[in-house]
């Protein structure tokens, strides 16, 4: 299995988790008390873009390596944003 399909798989799974975090924050009415939902939305957007770029790298063999490198960088940014969202949520509870 090529590496770019691993990026697509991981990014799509983490996208679901980011959306779940944003939904849970909004359902519990904690959105006004913390910046975790904004960080979660940023993470979701970055992970969605990573999914799209990773898919495009799979579908276009000529540009595949360059798109794969971009998908990897965007995925890492989304992962950091997701970590920030969870960290803000955890530390805001105390």
C-alpha atoms as a PDB file:
ATOM      1  CA  UNK A   1       0.000   0.000   0.000  1.00  0.00           C
ATOM      2  CA  UNK A   2       1.497   3.346  -1.020  1.00  0.00           C
ATOM      3  CA  UNK A   3       2.229   5.902   1.671  1.00  0.00           C
ATOM      4  CA  UNK A   4      -0.258   8.434   0.296  1.00  0.00           C
ATOM      5  CA  UNK A   5      -3.167   6.069   0.918  1.00  0.00           C
ATOM      6  CA  UNK A   6      -1.990   5.816   4.537  1.00  0.00           C
ATOM      7  CA  UNK A   7      -2.225   9.608   4.762  1.00  0.00           C
ATOM      8  CA  UNK A   8      -5.739   9.484   3.320  1.00  0.00           C
ATOM      9  CA  UNK A   9      -6.823   6.802   5.787  1.00  0.00           C
ATOM     10  CA  UNK A  10      -5.349   8.506   8.855  1.00  0.00           C
ATOM     11  CA  UNK A  11      -6.546  11.982   7.862  1.00  0.00           C
ATOM     12  CA  UNK A  12     -10.101  10.795   7.265  1.00  0.00           C
ATOM     13  CA  UNK A  13     -10.202   9.030  10.636  1.00  0.00           C
ATOM     14  CA  UNK A  14      -8.842  12.069  12.463  1.00  0.00           C
ATOM     15  CA  UNK A  15     -11.266  14.296  10.559  1.00  0.00           C
ATOM     16  CA  UNK A  16     -14.113  12.350  12.137  1.00  0.00           C
ATOM     17  CA  UNK A  17     -12.572  12.779  15.582  1.00  0.00           C
ATOM     18  CA  UNK A  18     -12.098  16.530  15.066  1.00  0.00           C
ATOM     19  CA  UNK A  19     -15.719  16.916  13.993  1.00  0.00           C
ATOM     20  CA  UNK A  20     -16.835  14.875  16.980  1.00  0.00           C
ATOM     21  CA  UNK A  21     -14.895  17.176  19.318  1.00  0.00           C
ATOM     22  CA  UNK A  22     -16.409  20.295  17.748  1.00  0.00           C
ATOM     23  CA  UNK A  23     -19.905  18.805  17.944  1.00  0.00           C
ATOM     24  CA  UNK A  24     -19.469  17.740  21.571  1.00  0.00           C
ATOM     25  CA  UNK A  25     -18.219  21.189  22.564  1.00  0.00           C
ATOM     26  CA  UNK A  26     -21.190  22.862  20.911  1.00  0.00           C
ATOM     27  CA  UNK A  27     -23.727  20.424  22.372  1.00  0.00           C
ATOM     28  CA  UNK A  28     -22.413  20.965  25.906  1.00  0.00           C
ATOM     29  CA  UNK A  29     -22.513  24.785  25.492  1.00  0.00           C
ATOM     30  CA  UNK A  30     -18.802  25.164  26.230  1.00  0.00           C
ATOM     31  CA  UNK A  31     -18.091  26.893  22.909  1.00  0.00           C
ATOM     32  CA  UNK A  32     -18.225  30.358  24.453  1.00  0.00           C
ATOM     33  CA  UNK A  33     -15.942  29.445  27.351  1.00  0.00           C
ATOM     34  CA  UNK A  34     -12.995  27.980  25.450  1.00  0.00           C
ATOM     35  CA  UNK A  35     -11.138  28.201  22.160  1.00  0.00           C
ATOM     36  CA  UNK A  36     -11.161  24.423  21.734  1.00  0.00           C
ATOM     37  CA  UNK A  37     -13.951  24.503  19.156  1.00  0.00           C
ATOM     38  CA  UNK A  38     -12.052  27.011  16.992  1.00  0.00           C
ATOM     39  CA  UNK A  39      -8.911  24.865  17.181  1.00  0.00           C
ATOM     40  CA  UNK A  40     -11.039  21.814  16.353  1.00  0.00           C
ATOM     41  CA  UNK A  41     -12.518  23.533  13.308  1.00  0.00           C
ATOM     42  CA  UNK A  42      -9.033  24.505  12.104  1.00  0.00           C
ATOM     43  CA  UNK A  43      -7.930  20.891  12.592  1.00  0.00           C
ATOM     44  CA  UNK A  44     -10.977  19.613  10.703  1.00  0.00           C
ATOM     45  CA  UNK A  45     -10.330  21.971   7.790  1.00  0.00           C
ATOM     46  CA  UNK A  46      -6.652  21.033   7.604  1.00  0.00           C
ATOM     47  CA  UNK A  47      -7.440  17.317   7.765  1.00  0.00           C
ATOM     48  CA  UNK A  48     -10.128  17.679   5.080  1.00  0.00           C
ATOM     49  CA  UNK A  49      -7.645  19.463   2.802  1.00  0.00           C
ATOM     50  CA  UNK A  50      -5.109  16.737   3.532  1.00  0.00           C
ATOM     51  CA  UNK A  51      -7.668  14.106   2.505  1.00  0.00           C
ATOM     52  CA  UNK A  52      -8.357  15.914  -0.762  1.00  0.00           C
ATOM     53  CA  UNK A  53      -4.683  16.433  -1.611  1.00  0.00           C
ATOM     54  CA  UNK A  54      -3.858  12.838  -0.678  1.00  0.00           C
ATOM     55  CA  UNK A  55      -6.680  11.591  -2.906  1.00  0.00           C
ATOM     56  CA  UNK A  56      -5.409  13.748  -5.754  1.00  0.00           C
ATOM     57  CA  UNK A  57      -1.905  12.337  -5.282  1.00  0.00           C
ATOM     58  CA  UNK A  58      -3.293   8.821  -5.653  1.00  0.00           C
ATOM     59  CA  UNK A  59      -5.245   9.728  -8.783  1.00  0.00           C
ATOM     60  CA  UNK A  60      -2.499  11.664 -10.584  1.00  0.00           C
ATOM     61  CA  UNK A  61       0.652   9.593 -11.082  1.00  0.00           C
ATOM     62  CA  UNK A  62       2.674  12.437 -12.632  1.00  0.00           C
ATOM     63  CA  UNK A  63       2.164  14.909  -9.800  1.00  0.00           C
ATOM     64  CA  UNK A  64       1.794  12.201  -7.142  1.00  0.00           C
ATOM     65  CA  UNK A  65       5.041  12.650  -5.220  1.00  0.00           C
ATOM     66  CA  UNK A  66       4.731  16.426  -4.964  1.00  0.00           C
ATOM     67  CA  UNK A  67       1.078  16.248  -3.883  1.00  0.00           C
ATOM     68  CA  UNK A  68       1.927  13.494  -1.411  1.00  0.00           C
ATOM     69  CA  UNK A  69       4.530  15.728   0.229  1.00  0.00           C
ATOM     70  CA  UNK A  70       1.956  18.513   0.544  1.00  0.00           C
ATOM     71  CA  UNK A  71      -0.643  16.126   1.947  1.00  0.00           C
ATOM     72  CA  UNK A  72       1.886  14.971   4.521  1.00  0.00           C
ATOM     73  CA  UNK A  73       2.694  18.541   5.621  1.00  0.00           C
ATOM     74  CA  UNK A  74      -0.971  19.531   5.822  1.00  0.00           C
ATOM     75  CA  UNK A  75      -1.754  16.341   7.741  1.00  0.00           C
ATOM     76  CA  UNK A  76       0.938  17.158  10.305  1.00  0.00           C
ATOM     77  CA  UNK A  77      -0.474  20.675  10.690  1.00  0.00           C
ATOM     78  CA  UNK A  78      -3.950  19.239  11.236  1.00  0.00           C
ATOM     79  CA  UNK A  79      -2.596  16.794  13.785  1.00  0.00           C
ATOM     80  CA  UNK A  80      -0.960  19.636  15.714  1.00  0.00           C
ATOM     81  CA  UNK A  81      -4.192  21.657  15.600  1.00  0.00           C
ATOM     82  CA  UNK A  82      -6.149  18.645  16.870  1.00  0.00           C
ATOM     83  CA  UNK A  83      -3.672  18.229  19.712  1.00  0.00           C
ATOM     84  CA  UNK A  84      -4.085  21.922  20.530  1.00  0.00           C
ATOM     85  CA  UNK A  85      -7.879  21.567  20.588  1.00  0.00           C
ATOM     86  CA  UNK A  86      -7.742  18.632  22.959  1.00  0.00           C
ATOM     87  CA  UNK A  87      -5.150  20.343  25.147  1.00  0.00           C
ATOM     88  CA  UNK A  88      -7.212  23.521  25.404  1.00  0.00           C
ATOM     89  CA  UNK A  89     -10.287  21.483  26.231  1.00  0.00           C
ATOM     90  CA  UNK A  90      -8.527  19.492  28.937  1.00  0.00           C
ATOM     91  CA  UNK A  91      -6.790  22.426  30.580  1.00  0.00           C
ATOM     92  CA  UNK A  92      -9.882  24.656  30.402  1.00  0.00           C
ATOM     93  CA  UNK A  93     -11.740  22.168  32.604  1.00  0.00           C
ATOM     94  CA  UNK A  94      -9.473  22.872  35.593  1.00  0.00           C
END
